Amino acid sequence: MRNVSRLFRSFSPLAKFCRQFERSPRILDLGCGTGQNGKFVREILPEVEFYGVDMLPPESVPEFYRYSFVDIDNENLPYPDETFDAIVFTHVIEHLTHPFRVGKEIGRVLKTGGMVYVETPNWTSTLVPSFGFRRDQLHPFNFYDDPTHSKPWSKQGLFVFLYQGCGLHVVRVASVRNFMKLPFDIGKIVFGFLSGQRAPIVYSFWNLFGWSIFGVARKDQEEC
């Protein structure tokens, strides 16, 4: 099952983003949390030099990160200009009050030619019902099921953030869908109900619905 899951993940937008880099890029994970992105990216880029920022105690963050405690909504990033080959920024921007502030910092610390991947819930996630099955297991079905969510984003809004807020050339904005996984999602939803597990239901629905969107942008010389 682990190998099948790994195969499915290899077709995700984030995996495709990572495969374009050399084997040892310097990557910043904005809002790294407990390292879910980092562990995934390291499967694709084993020699990656990983930096992470968040507001967690250092012992909660995997040791492969060069970690800094930073409130990105209110503080500058503690790195020189033109530091990173890539920045990964997933499911964080919807929690921020001042996203254009961190956008300016993204444009500053990204190397010329470097790229950023941003992922966030689509505004349409506010339209689905709040899902009552095993609420104690969390995992948001409706955007506001997570009380820390502040602002949902549209594709155009994400484009403007990358283009105007970060000062980057936008390569692509699209829905997050793993098409290889779609035929199996209905079965995973049935399995979730039968086994009393909320997560397989929620994340299979996310894929079917296009619950999240992503944007990819590049720092070109003329945009600096």
N, C-alpha and C. Protein backbone atom coordinates (compact mmCIF):
# COMPACT_ATOMS: atom_id res chain seq x y z
N MET A 1 0.82 -1.21 0.00
CA MET A 1 0.00 0.00 0.00
C MET A 1 0.86 1.27 0.00
N ARG A 2 1.99 1.21 0.72
CA ARG A 2 2.87 2.38 0.76
C ARG A 2 3.41 2.71 -0.63
N ASN A 3 3.77 1.66 -1.40
CA ASN A 3 4.29 1.88 -2.74
C ASN A 3 3.21 2.43 -3.67
N VAL A 4 1.97 1.96 -3.50
CA VAL A 4 0.87 2.47 -4.31
C VAL A 4 0.62 3.94 -3.99
N SER A 5 0.62 4.27 -2.69
CA SER A 5 0.42 5.66 -2.28
C SER A 5 1.52 6.55 -2.83
N ARG A 6 2.76 6.06 -2.79
CA ARG A 6 3.89 6.82 -3.31
C ARG A 6 3.74 7.04 -4.82
N LEU A 7 3.26 6.02 -5.53
CA LEU A 7 3.03 6.15 -6.97
C LEU A 7 1.99 7.22 -7.25
N PHE A 8 0.88 7.23 -6.51
CA PHE A 8 -0.15 8.25 -6.70
C PHE A 8 0.41 9.64 -6.44
N ARG A 9 1.19 9.80 -5.36
CA ARG A 9 1.72 11.10 -5.01
C ARG A 9 2.68 11.64 -6.07
N SER A 10 3.30 10.73 -6.82
CA SER A 10 4.26 11.16 -7.84
C SER A 10 3.60 11.92 -8.99
N PHE A 11 2.27 11.85 -9.07
CA PHE A 11 1.53 12.56 -10.11
C PHE A 11 0.90 13.86 -9.59
N SER A 12 1.16 14.22 -8.36
CA SER A 12 0.57 15.43 -7.79
C SER A 12 1.26 16.67 -8.35
N PRO A 13 0.60 17.84 -8.32
CA PRO A 13 1.24 19.07 -8.80
C PRO A 13 2.53 19.41 -8.08
N LEU A 14 2.60 19.15 -6.76
CA LEU A 14 3.81 19.44 -6.02
C LEU A 14 4.96 18.55 -6.47
N ALA A 15 4.68 17.27 -6.75
CA ALA A 15 5.72 16.36 -7.22
C ALA A 15 6.24 16.82 -8.58
N LYS A 16 5.35 17.23 -9.46
CA LYS A 16 5.77 17.71 -10.78
C LYS A 16 6.61 18.97 -10.65
N PHE A 17 6.25 19.84 -9.71
CA PHE A 17 7.03 21.05 -9.46
C PHE A 17 8.45 20.70 -9.03
N CYS A 18 8.59 19.73 -8.13
CA CYS A 18 9.89 19.38 -7.57
C CYS A 18 10.80 18.71 -8.58
N ARG A 19 10.23 17.95 -9.52
CA ARG A 19 11.06 17.17 -10.44
C ARG A 19 11.84 18.03 -11.43
N GLN A 20 11.51 19.32 -11.53
CA GLN A 20 12.22 20.17 -12.49
C GLN A 20 13.57 20.67 -11.95
N PHE A 21 13.86 20.42 -10.68
CA PHE A 21 15.08 20.94 -10.07
C PHE A 21 16.21 19.92 -10.10
N GLU A 22 17.43 20.44 -9.94
CA GLU A 22 18.59 19.57 -9.77
C GLU A 22 18.43 18.80 -8.45
N ARG A 23 19.32 17.84 -8.24
CA ARG A 23 19.16 16.96 -7.09
C ARG A 23 19.50 17.61 -5.76
N SER A 24 20.13 18.79 -5.76
CA SER A 24 20.51 19.41 -4.49
C SER A 24 20.14 20.89 -4.45
N PRO A 25 18.87 21.22 -4.65
CA PRO A 25 18.48 22.63 -4.56
C PRO A 25 18.37 23.07 -3.11
N ARG A 26 18.37 24.36 -2.93
CA ARG A 26 18.10 24.95 -1.60
C ARG A 26 16.64 25.39 -1.60
N ILE A 27 15.84 24.79 -0.74
CA ILE A 27 14.39 25.01 -0.73
C ILE A 27 13.95 25.52 0.63
N LEU A 28 13.06 26.51 0.61
CA LEU A 28 12.43 27.04 1.82
C LEU A 28 10.99 26.54 1.89
N ASP A 29 10.65 25.95 3.01
CA ASP A 29 9.28 25.50 3.28
C ASP A 29 8.64 26.52 4.23
N LEU A 30 7.78 27.37 3.68
CA LEU A 30 7.12 28.42 4.47
C LEU A 30 5.93 27.82 5.21
N GLY A 31 5.99 27.83 6.53
CA GLY A 31 4.97 27.17 7.33
C GLY A 31 5.19 25.67 7.28
N CYS A 32 6.40 25.24 7.66
CA CYS A 32 6.81 23.85 7.45
C CYS A 32 6.08 22.86 8.35
N GLY A 33 5.51 23.34 9.47
CA GLY A 33 4.80 22.44 10.37
C GLY A 33 5.71 21.33 10.87
N THR A 34 5.19 20.12 10.93
CA THR A 34 5.97 18.97 11.41
C THR A 34 6.64 18.22 10.27
N GLY A 35 6.73 18.87 9.09
CA GLY A 35 7.58 18.34 8.03
C GLY A 35 6.90 17.49 6.98
N GLN A 36 5.58 17.57 6.84
CA GLN A 36 4.90 16.74 5.85
C GLN A 36 5.42 17.03 4.43
N ASN A 37 5.53 18.31 4.08
CA ASN A 37 6.06 18.66 2.76
C ASN A 37 7.50 18.21 2.61
N GLY A 38 8.29 18.46 3.64
CA GLY A 38 9.71 18.12 3.56
C GLY A 38 9.95 16.65 3.33
N LYS A 39 9.23 15.80 4.04
CA LYS A 39 9.39 14.35 3.88
C LYS A 39 9.01 13.92 2.47
N PHE A 40 7.96 14.54 1.93
CA PHE A 40 7.52 14.20 0.57
C PHE A 40 8.54 14.65 -0.47
N VAL A 41 9.00 15.90 -0.34
CA VAL A 41 9.95 16.44 -1.32
C VAL A 41 11.26 15.66 -1.29
N ARG A 42 11.69 15.22 -0.13
CA ARG A 42 12.95 14.48 -0.02
C ARG A 42 12.89 13.12 -0.70
N GLU A 43 11.69 12.59 -0.91
CA GLU A 43 11.57 11.36 -1.69
C GLU A 43 11.94 11.60 -3.15
N ILE A 44 11.69 12.83 -3.62
CA ILE A 44 11.96 13.18 -5.00
C ILE A 44 13.36 13.77 -5.15
N LEU A 45 13.76 14.57 -4.17
CA LEU A 45 15.05 15.26 -4.18
C LEU A 45 15.82 14.90 -2.91
N PRO A 46 16.45 13.73 -2.87
CA PRO A 46 17.07 13.26 -1.62
C PRO A 46 18.17 14.17 -1.09
N GLU A 47 18.83 14.93 -1.95
CA GLU A 47 19.95 15.75 -1.51
C GLU A 47 19.56 17.22 -1.31
N VAL A 48 18.26 17.48 -1.18
CA VAL A 48 17.78 18.85 -1.01
C VAL A 48 18.33 19.46 0.28
N GLU A 49 18.66 20.74 0.21
CA GLU A 49 19.05 21.51 1.39
C GLU A 49 17.80 22.25 1.87
N PHE A 50 17.21 21.79 2.96
CA PHE A 50 15.89 22.25 3.37
C PHE A 50 15.97 23.26 4.51
N TYR A 51 15.27 24.37 4.32
CA TYR A 51 15.06 25.37 5.36
C TYR A 51 13.56 25.42 5.66
N GLY A 52 13.23 25.72 6.89
CA GLY A 52 11.82 25.81 7.26
C GLY A 52 11.57 26.92 8.26
N VAL A 53 10.42 27.56 8.15
CA VAL A 53 9.99 28.54 9.15
C VAL A 53 8.57 28.20 9.59
N ASP A 54 8.30 28.45 10.83
CA ASP A 54 6.97 28.24 11.39
C ASP A 54 6.98 28.84 12.79
N MET A 55 5.91 28.61 13.54
CA MET A 55 5.81 29.10 14.91
C MET A 55 5.65 27.93 15.87
N LEU A 56 6.39 26.87 15.61
CA LEU A 56 6.39 25.69 16.46
C LEU A 56 7.69 25.62 17.26
N PRO A 57 7.69 24.94 18.40
CA PRO A 57 8.96 24.72 19.10
C PRO A 57 9.88 23.88 18.23
N PRO A 58 11.18 24.13 18.27
CA PRO A 58 12.12 23.43 17.39
C PRO A 58 12.05 21.90 17.49
N GLU A 59 11.74 21.39 18.66
CA GLU A 59 11.71 19.93 18.81
C GLU A 59 10.55 19.29 18.05
N SER A 60 9.58 20.10 17.59
CA SER A 60 8.46 19.57 16.81
C SER A 60 8.77 19.45 15.32
N VAL A 61 9.89 20.03 14.90
CA VAL A 61 10.25 20.10 13.49
C VAL A 61 11.35 19.08 13.20
N PRO A 62 11.24 18.31 12.12
CA PRO A 62 12.28 17.31 11.81
C PRO A 62 13.67 17.93 11.71
N GLU A 63 14.67 17.14 12.08
CA GLU A 63 16.04 17.63 12.16
C GLU A 63 16.64 17.96 10.80
N PHE A 64 16.05 17.45 9.70
CA PHE A 64 16.63 17.74 8.39
C PHE A 64 16.35 19.19 7.95
N TYR A 65 15.47 19.89 8.66
CA TYR A 65 15.25 21.31 8.39
C TYR A 65 16.29 22.17 9.11
N ARG A 66 16.74 23.22 8.45
CA ARG A 66 17.41 24.32 9.12
C ARG A 66 16.29 25.29 9.51
N TYR A 67 15.87 25.18 10.74
CA TYR A 67 14.60 25.76 11.16
C TYR A 67 14.77 27.11 11.85
N SER A 68 13.82 28.03 11.57
CA SER A 68 13.75 29.32 12.25
C SER A 68 12.32 29.58 12.70
N PHE A 69 12.18 30.07 13.91
CA PHE A 69 10.87 30.44 14.45
C PHE A 69 10.55 31.85 13.93
N VAL A 70 9.54 31.98 13.06
CA VAL A 70 9.20 33.26 12.45
C VAL A 70 7.69 33.38 12.31
N ASP A 71 7.15 34.52 12.68
CA ASP A 71 5.75 34.86 12.42
C ASP A 71 5.71 35.54 11.05
N ILE A 72 5.47 34.76 9.99
CA ILE A 72 5.57 35.31 8.64
C ILE A 72 4.49 36.34 8.33
N ASP A 73 3.44 36.39 9.15
CA ASP A 73 2.40 37.39 8.95
C ASP A 73 2.86 38.78 9.40
N ASN A 74 3.89 38.82 10.25
CA ASN A 74 4.30 40.10 10.83
C ASN A 74 5.81 40.35 10.83
N GLU A 75 6.60 39.34 10.48
CA GLU A 75 8.05 39.47 10.54
C GLU A 75 8.68 39.17 9.18
N ASN A 76 9.82 39.79 8.92
CA ASN A 76 10.58 39.48 7.71
C ASN A 76 11.25 38.12 7.83
N LEU A 77 11.54 37.52 6.68
CA LEU A 77 12.26 36.25 6.67
C LEU A 77 13.73 36.50 6.99
N PRO A 78 14.34 35.65 7.80
CA PRO A 78 15.72 35.89 8.27
C PRO A 78 16.79 35.39 7.30
N TYR A 79 16.64 35.72 6.01
CA TYR A 79 17.57 35.25 5.00
C TYR A 79 17.98 36.41 4.09
N PRO A 80 19.19 36.36 3.54
CA PRO A 80 19.61 37.39 2.58
C PRO A 80 18.81 37.31 1.28
N ASP A 81 18.90 38.35 0.48
CA ASP A 81 18.30 38.35 -0.85
C ASP A 81 18.87 37.19 -1.68
N GLU A 82 18.03 36.68 -2.59
CA GLU A 82 18.47 35.68 -3.58
C GLU A 82 19.09 34.44 -2.91
N THR A 83 18.39 33.87 -1.94
CA THR A 83 18.92 32.73 -1.18
C THR A 83 18.45 31.39 -1.73
N PHE A 84 17.20 31.29 -2.19
CA PHE A 84 16.58 29.98 -2.42
C PHE A 84 16.30 29.70 -3.89
N ASP A 85 16.52 28.43 -4.27
CA ASP A 85 16.17 27.96 -5.61
C ASP A 85 14.67 27.76 -5.75
N ALA A 86 14.01 27.43 -4.64
CA ALA A 86 12.57 27.17 -4.68
C ALA A 86 11.97 27.45 -3.31
N ILE A 87 10.69 27.79 -3.32
CA ILE A 87 9.92 28.00 -2.09
C ILE A 87 8.63 27.20 -2.21
N VAL A 88 8.31 26.47 -1.16
CA VAL A 88 7.07 25.70 -1.08
C VAL A 88 6.21 26.34 0.00
N PHE A 89 4.96 26.64 -0.36
CA PHE A 89 4.08 27.45 0.50
C PHE A 89 2.68 26.86 0.42
N THR A 90 2.43 25.78 1.16
CA THR A 90 1.18 25.06 0.99
C THR A 90 0.29 25.15 2.23
N HIS A 91 -0.96 25.49 1.98
CA HIS A 91 -2.01 25.56 2.99
C HIS A 91 -1.59 26.39 4.20
N VAL A 92 -1.05 27.56 3.89
CA VAL A 92 -0.65 28.53 4.90
C VAL A 92 -1.27 29.90 4.60
N ILE A 93 -1.29 30.30 3.33
CA ILE A 93 -1.72 31.65 2.97
C ILE A 93 -3.15 31.93 3.41
N GLU A 94 -3.99 30.90 3.48
CA GLU A 94 -5.39 31.10 3.89
C GLU A 94 -5.51 31.44 5.37
N HIS A 95 -4.43 31.30 6.13
CA HIS A 95 -4.42 31.63 7.55
C HIS A 95 -3.91 33.04 7.83
N LEU A 96 -3.38 33.71 6.81
CA LEU A 96 -2.68 34.97 7.03
C LEU A 96 -3.60 36.18 6.96
N THR A 97 -3.22 37.21 7.71
CA THR A 97 -3.92 38.49 7.67
C THR A 97 -3.27 39.45 6.66
N HIS A 98 -1.94 39.30 6.47
CA HIS A 98 -1.19 40.22 5.60
C HIS A 98 -0.42 39.42 4.55
N PRO A 99 -1.10 38.76 3.61
CA PRO A 99 -0.39 37.90 2.65
C PRO A 99 0.58 38.66 1.75
N PHE A 100 0.26 39.91 1.39
CA PHE A 100 1.16 40.64 0.50
C PHE A 100 2.48 40.98 1.20
N ARG A 101 2.47 40.99 2.50
CA ARG A 101 3.71 41.24 3.24
C ARG A 101 4.68 40.08 3.03
N VAL A 102 4.18 38.86 3.19
CA VAL A 102 5.05 37.72 2.97
C VAL A 102 5.34 37.54 1.48
N GLY A 103 4.42 38.01 0.61
CA GLY A 103 4.67 37.95 -0.82
C GLY A 103 5.91 38.74 -1.21
N LYS A 104 6.06 39.91 -0.65
CA LYS A 104 7.24 40.73 -0.92
C LYS A 104 8.51 40.02 -0.46
N GLU A 105 8.43 39.32 0.68
CA GLU A 105 9.58 38.57 1.18
C GLU A 105 9.91 37.37 0.29
N ILE A 106 8.87 36.72 -0.25
CA ILE A 106 9.10 35.62 -1.18
C ILE A 106 9.89 36.10 -2.38
N GLY A 107 9.47 37.23 -2.97
CA GLY A 107 10.18 37.78 -4.11
C GLY A 107 11.61 38.17 -3.79
N ARG A 108 11.85 38.58 -2.57
CA ARG A 108 13.19 39.03 -2.16
C ARG A 108 14.16 37.86 -2.00
N VAL A 109 13.73 36.79 -1.30
CA VAL A 109 14.68 35.72 -0.95
C VAL A 109 14.80 34.66 -2.06
N LEU A 110 13.93 34.71 -3.06
CA LEU A 110 14.00 33.76 -4.17
C LEU A 110 15.10 34.19 -5.14
N LYS A 111 15.92 33.23 -5.57
CA LYS A 111 16.96 33.53 -6.55
C LYS A 111 16.34 33.89 -7.91
N THR A 112 17.02 34.66 -8.70
CA THR A 112 16.61 34.88 -10.08
C THR A 112 16.63 33.53 -10.80
N GLY A 113 15.53 33.19 -11.44
CA GLY A 113 15.36 31.88 -12.03
C GLY A 113 14.71 30.88 -11.10
N GLY A 114 14.60 31.23 -9.81
CA GLY A 114 13.97 30.35 -8.84
C GLY A 114 12.47 30.35 -8.97
N MET A 115 11.82 29.36 -8.34
CA MET A 115 10.38 29.18 -8.51
C MET A 115 9.70 28.95 -7.15
N VAL A 116 8.42 29.30 -7.12
CA VAL A 116 7.61 29.12 -5.91
C VAL A 116 6.37 28.31 -6.25
N TYR A 117 5.99 27.44 -5.33
CA TYR A 117 4.75 26.66 -5.43
C TYR A 117 3.86 27.05 -4.26
N VAL A 118 2.64 27.54 -4.56
CA VAL A 118 1.68 27.93 -3.53
C VAL A 118 0.43 27.08 -3.70
N GLU A 119 -0.08 26.54 -2.60
CA GLU A 119 -1.33 25.76 -2.63
C GLU A 119 -2.23 26.23 -1.51
N THR A 120 -3.53 26.33 -1.80
CA THR A 120 -4.49 26.85 -0.82
C THR A 120 -5.89 26.38 -1.18
N PRO A 121 -6.83 26.33 -0.24
CA PRO A 121 -8.20 25.98 -0.58
C PRO A 121 -8.81 26.95 -1.59
N ASN A 122 -9.53 26.41 -2.55
CA ASN A 122 -10.29 27.20 -3.51
C ASN A 122 -11.48 27.86 -2.79
N TRP A 123 -11.92 29.01 -3.29
CA TRP A 123 -13.07 29.68 -2.67
C TRP A 123 -14.31 28.79 -2.71
N THR A 124 -14.38 27.87 -3.67
CA THR A 124 -15.55 26.99 -3.77
C THR A 124 -15.65 26.03 -2.58
N SER A 125 -14.56 25.89 -1.81
CA SER A 125 -14.61 25.04 -0.62
C SER A 125 -15.53 25.62 0.45
N THR A 126 -15.92 26.89 0.31
CA THR A 126 -16.89 27.48 1.24
C THR A 126 -18.32 27.06 0.94
N LEU A 127 -18.55 26.44 -0.23
CA LEU A 127 -19.90 26.13 -0.68
C LEU A 127 -20.35 24.72 -0.33
N VAL A 128 -19.40 23.85 0.05
CA VAL A 128 -19.78 22.48 0.40
C VAL A 128 -20.27 22.45 1.84
N PRO A 129 -21.09 21.47 2.19
CA PRO A 129 -21.62 21.43 3.57
C PRO A 129 -20.54 21.07 4.57
N SER A 130 -20.78 21.43 5.82
CA SER A 130 -19.92 21.00 6.90
C SER A 130 -20.23 19.54 7.19
N PHE A 131 -19.25 18.69 7.11
CA PHE A 131 -19.43 17.24 7.11
C PHE A 131 -19.46 16.71 8.54
N GLY A 132 -20.52 16.00 8.90
CA GLY A 132 -20.73 15.61 10.29
C GLY A 132 -20.13 14.29 10.71
N PHE A 133 -19.60 13.52 9.78
CA PHE A 133 -19.10 12.18 10.10
C PHE A 133 -17.80 12.25 10.90
N ARG A 134 -17.77 11.72 12.11
CA ARG A 134 -16.60 11.64 12.98
C ARG A 134 -15.87 12.99 13.07
N ARG A 135 -16.61 14.00 13.53
CA ARG A 135 -16.03 15.34 13.65
C ARG A 135 -14.80 15.36 14.55
N ASP A 136 -14.74 14.45 15.52
CA ASP A 136 -13.63 14.43 16.46
C ASP A 136 -12.29 14.12 15.79
N GLN A 137 -12.33 13.60 14.57
CA GLN A 137 -11.09 13.31 13.85
C GLN A 137 -10.61 14.50 13.01
N LEU A 138 -11.35 15.60 13.07
CA LEU A 138 -10.98 16.85 12.39
C LEU A 138 -10.95 16.67 10.87
N HIS A 139 -10.02 17.27 10.14
CA HIS A 139 -9.93 17.25 8.68
C HIS A 139 -11.10 18.04 8.07
N PRO A 140 -10.85 19.27 7.60
CA PRO A 140 -11.94 20.14 7.13
C PRO A 140 -12.56 19.69 5.81
N PHE A 141 -13.88 19.70 5.78
CA PHE A 141 -14.65 19.41 4.57
C PHE A 141 -15.08 20.73 3.93
N ASN A 142 -15.69 21.58 4.74
CA ASN A 142 -15.98 22.97 4.35
C ASN A 142 -14.79 23.83 4.77
N PHE A 143 -14.53 24.91 4.03
CA PHE A 143 -13.39 25.80 4.34
C PHE A 143 -13.41 26.23 5.80
N TYR A 144 -14.58 26.57 6.32
CA TYR A 144 -14.67 27.10 7.68
C TYR A 144 -14.76 26.02 8.74
N ASP A 145 -14.62 24.75 8.35
CA ASP A 145 -14.48 23.70 9.35
C ASP A 145 -13.19 23.88 10.15
N ASP A 146 -12.21 24.55 9.56
CA ASP A 146 -10.99 24.89 10.28
C ASP A 146 -11.11 26.33 10.78
N PRO A 147 -11.30 26.53 12.08
CA PRO A 147 -11.55 27.88 12.60
C PRO A 147 -10.35 28.81 12.48
N THR A 148 -9.17 28.28 12.13
CA THR A 148 -8.02 29.15 11.93
C THR A 148 -7.93 29.69 10.50
N HIS A 149 -8.80 29.21 9.61
CA HIS A 149 -8.83 29.74 8.25
C HIS A 149 -9.37 31.17 8.27
N SER A 150 -8.73 32.02 7.52
CA SER A 150 -9.11 33.44 7.48
C SER A 150 -9.77 33.83 6.16
N LYS A 151 -9.15 33.49 5.02
CA LYS A 151 -9.61 33.98 3.73
C LYS A 151 -9.45 32.90 2.66
N PRO A 152 -10.54 32.53 1.98
CA PRO A 152 -10.41 31.63 0.84
C PRO A 152 -9.90 32.38 -0.39
N TRP A 153 -9.28 31.65 -1.30
CA TRP A 153 -8.67 32.26 -2.48
C TRP A 153 -9.29 31.74 -3.76
N SER A 154 -9.35 32.59 -4.76
CA SER A 154 -9.74 32.19 -6.11
C SER A 154 -8.48 32.05 -6.96
N LYS A 155 -8.62 31.47 -8.14
CA LYS A 155 -7.46 31.36 -9.04
C LYS A 155 -6.95 32.74 -9.44
N GLN A 156 -7.86 33.66 -9.71
CA GLN A 156 -7.43 35.01 -10.07
C GLN A 156 -6.73 35.69 -8.89
N GLY A 157 -7.27 35.51 -7.70
CA GLY A 157 -6.64 36.09 -6.52
C GLY A 157 -5.24 35.54 -6.31
N LEU A 158 -5.07 34.23 -6.53
CA LEU A 158 -3.76 33.63 -6.38
C LEU A 158 -2.79 34.15 -7.45
N PHE A 159 -3.32 34.33 -8.67
CA PHE A 159 -2.50 34.92 -9.74
C PHE A 159 -2.02 36.31 -9.34
N VAL A 160 -2.92 37.13 -8.82
CA VAL A 160 -2.56 38.49 -8.44
C VAL A 160 -1.54 38.48 -7.30
N PHE A 161 -1.70 37.57 -6.35
CA PHE A 161 -0.73 37.46 -5.26
C PHE A 161 0.67 37.18 -5.80
N LEU A 162 0.78 36.22 -6.72
CA LEU A 162 2.08 35.85 -7.25
C LEU A 162 2.66 36.94 -8.15
N TYR A 163 1.81 37.53 -8.97
CA TYR A 163 2.27 38.52 -9.95
C TYR A 163 2.55 39.87 -9.30
N GLN A 164 1.59 40.34 -8.53
CA GLN A 164 1.70 41.68 -7.94
C GLN A 164 2.32 41.64 -6.55
N GLY A 165 1.89 40.70 -5.73
CA GLY A 165 2.38 40.64 -4.36
C GLY A 165 3.80 40.15 -4.25
N CYS A 166 4.18 39.15 -5.11
CA CYS A 166 5.53 38.60 -5.07
C CYS A 166 6.44 39.20 -6.15
N GLY A 167 5.85 39.80 -7.17
CA GLY A 167 6.62 40.36 -8.27
C GLY A 167 7.23 39.31 -9.17
N LEU A 168 6.47 38.22 -9.44
CA LEU A 168 6.99 37.07 -10.18
C LEU A 168 6.23 36.87 -11.49
N HIS A 169 6.82 36.09 -12.37
CA HIS A 169 6.16 35.67 -13.61
C HIS A 169 5.34 34.42 -13.30
N VAL A 170 4.04 34.49 -13.49
CA VAL A 170 3.16 33.36 -13.16
C VAL A 170 3.19 32.35 -14.29
N VAL A 171 3.57 31.13 -13.97
CA VAL A 171 3.66 30.05 -14.94
C VAL A 171 2.32 29.34 -15.10
N ARG A 172 1.65 29.09 -13.97
CA ARG A 172 0.39 28.34 -14.03
C ARG A 172 -0.41 28.53 -12.75
N VAL A 173 -1.73 28.60 -12.90
CA VAL A 173 -2.66 28.55 -11.77
C VAL A 173 -3.75 27.55 -12.16
N ALA A 174 -4.04 26.59 -11.29
CA ALA A 174 -4.99 25.54 -11.64
C ALA A 174 -5.53 24.87 -10.39
N SER A 175 -6.53 24.00 -10.58
CA SER A 175 -7.06 23.20 -9.49
C SER A 175 -6.11 22.07 -9.16
N VAL A 176 -6.08 21.68 -7.90
CA VAL A 176 -5.27 20.54 -7.47
C VAL A 176 -6.09 19.27 -7.65
N ARG A 177 -5.73 18.52 -8.67
CA ARG A 177 -6.37 17.22 -8.90
C ARG A 177 -5.30 16.22 -9.34
N ASN A 178 -5.30 15.08 -8.71
CA ASN A 178 -4.42 13.99 -9.09
C ASN A 178 -5.27 13.01 -9.91
N PHE A 179 -5.14 13.09 -11.23
CA PHE A 179 -6.03 12.33 -12.10
C PHE A 179 -5.77 10.83 -12.02
N MET A 180 -4.56 10.43 -11.67
CA MET A 180 -4.28 9.01 -11.52
C MET A 180 -5.04 8.42 -10.34
N LYS A 181 -5.34 9.25 -9.37
CA LYS A 181 -5.99 8.79 -8.15
C LYS A 181 -7.52 8.79 -8.26
N LEU A 182 -8.07 9.53 -9.20
CA LEU A 182 -9.52 9.71 -9.28
C LEU A 182 -10.31 8.38 -9.32
N PRO A 183 -9.92 7.38 -10.11
CA PRO A 183 -10.72 6.14 -10.15
C PRO A 183 -10.80 5.42 -8.82
N PHE A 184 -9.87 5.69 -7.89
CA PHE A 184 -9.84 4.99 -6.62
C PHE A 184 -10.51 5.78 -5.49
N ASP A 185 -10.87 7.04 -5.77
CA ASP A 185 -11.38 7.88 -4.70
C ASP A 185 -12.74 7.43 -4.16
N ILE A 186 -13.61 6.96 -5.05
CA ILE A 186 -14.92 6.49 -4.59
C ILE A 186 -14.75 5.31 -3.64
N GLY A 187 -13.85 4.39 -3.99
CA GLY A 187 -13.59 3.24 -3.12
C GLY A 187 -13.04 3.66 -1.77
N LYS A 188 -12.17 4.69 -1.77
CA LYS A 188 -11.62 5.16 -0.50
C LYS A 188 -12.69 5.82 0.36
N ILE A 189 -13.64 6.49 -0.27
CA ILE A 189 -14.74 7.10 0.49
C ILE A 189 -15.59 6.00 1.14
N VAL A 190 -15.90 4.96 0.39
CA VAL A 190 -16.66 3.83 0.95
C VAL A 190 -15.88 3.19 2.09
N PHE A 191 -14.58 2.98 1.90
CA PHE A 191 -13.74 2.41 2.94
C PHE A 191 -13.75 3.28 4.20
N GLY A 192 -13.69 4.61 4.02
CA GLY A 192 -13.71 5.52 5.16
C GLY A 192 -14.97 5.38 5.99
N PHE A 193 -16.12 5.29 5.32
CA PHE A 193 -17.38 5.12 6.05
C PHE A 193 -17.42 3.78 6.78
N LEU A 194 -17.00 2.72 6.11
CA LEU A 194 -17.07 1.39 6.71
C LEU A 194 -16.10 1.24 7.88
N SER A 195 -14.97 1.92 7.81
CA SER A 195 -13.95 1.77 8.84
C SER A 195 -14.02 2.86 9.91
N GLY A 196 -14.94 3.83 9.73
CA GLY A 196 -15.06 4.90 10.70
C GLY A 196 -13.91 5.89 10.66
N GLN A 197 -13.30 6.06 9.49
CA GLN A 197 -12.18 6.99 9.34
C GLN A 197 -12.58 8.18 8.46
N ARG A 198 -12.48 9.35 9.03
CA ARG A 198 -12.88 10.57 8.32
C ARG A 198 -11.87 10.97 7.23
N ALA A 199 -10.57 10.79 7.50
CA ALA A 199 -9.54 11.30 6.59
C ALA A 199 -9.66 10.77 5.16
N PRO A 200 -9.82 9.45 4.93
CA PRO A 200 -9.93 8.98 3.54
C PRO A 200 -11.12 9.59 2.81
N ILE A 201 -12.20 9.85 3.53
CA ILE A 201 -13.38 10.46 2.91
C ILE A 201 -13.07 11.89 2.50
N VAL A 202 -12.51 12.65 3.43
CA VAL A 202 -12.26 14.06 3.19
C VAL A 202 -11.26 14.25 2.05
N TYR A 203 -10.12 13.56 2.09
CA TYR A 203 -9.08 13.82 1.10
C TYR A 203 -9.41 13.25 -0.27
N SER A 204 -10.22 12.19 -0.32
CA SER A 204 -10.70 11.72 -1.61
C SER A 204 -11.71 12.72 -2.19
N PHE A 205 -12.55 13.27 -1.33
CA PHE A 205 -13.48 14.31 -1.79
C PHE A 205 -12.71 15.53 -2.30
N TRP A 206 -11.67 15.93 -1.58
CA TRP A 206 -10.85 17.07 -2.02
C TRP A 206 -10.39 16.86 -3.47
N ASN A 207 -9.91 15.66 -3.75
CA ASN A 207 -9.39 15.37 -5.09
C ASN A 207 -10.50 15.37 -6.14
N LEU A 208 -11.62 14.77 -5.82
CA LEU A 208 -12.75 14.73 -6.75
C LEU A 208 -13.31 16.12 -7.04
N PHE A 209 -13.39 16.93 -6.01
CA PHE A 209 -14.04 18.23 -6.10
C PHE A 209 -13.11 19.32 -6.64
N GLY A 210 -11.82 19.10 -6.52
CA GLY A 210 -10.88 20.19 -6.80
C GLY A 210 -10.92 21.22 -5.69
N TRP A 211 -10.85 20.75 -4.46
CA TRP A 211 -11.05 21.57 -3.25
C TRP A 211 -9.97 22.62 -3.10
N SER A 212 -8.77 22.32 -3.61
CA SER A 212 -7.65 23.25 -3.50
C SER A 212 -7.21 23.74 -4.88
N ILE A 213 -6.49 24.84 -4.89
CA ILE A 213 -5.88 25.37 -6.10
C ILE A 213 -4.38 25.55 -5.84
N PHE A 214 -3.60 25.65 -6.92
CA PHE A 214 -2.17 25.89 -6.77
C PHE A 214 -1.71 26.90 -7.81
N GLY A 215 -0.60 27.53 -7.50
CA GLY A 215 0.03 28.44 -8.43
C GLY A 215 1.53 28.21 -8.45
N VAL A 216 2.12 28.32 -9.63
CA VAL A 216 3.56 28.19 -9.80
C VAL A 216 4.06 29.47 -10.47
N ALA A 217 5.12 30.05 -9.94
CA ALA A 217 5.65 31.30 -10.49
C ALA A 217 7.17 31.28 -10.45
N ARG A 218 7.76 32.07 -11.33
CA ARG A 218 9.22 32.12 -11.48
C ARG A 218 9.71 33.56 -11.34
N LYS A 219 10.88 33.70 -10.75
CA LYS A 219 11.49 35.02 -10.63
C LYS A 219 12.40 35.26 -11.84
N ASP A 220 11.92 36.05 -12.80
CA ASP A 220 12.70 36.39 -13.96
C ASP A 220 13.48 37.67 -13.72
N GLN A 221 14.51 37.85 -14.48
CA GLN A 221 15.37 39.03 -14.30
C GLN A 221 14.59 40.33 -14.44
N GLU A 222 13.71 40.38 -15.45
CA GLU A 222 12.99 41.62 -15.69
C GLU A 222 11.92 41.92 -14.65
N GLU A 223 11.57 40.88 -13.81
CA GLU A 223 10.55 41.08 -12.80
C GLU A 223 11.14 41.54 -11.48
N CYS A 224 12.45 41.50 -11.34
CA CYS A 224 13.08 41.78 -10.06
C CYS A 224 12.93 43.25 -9.67
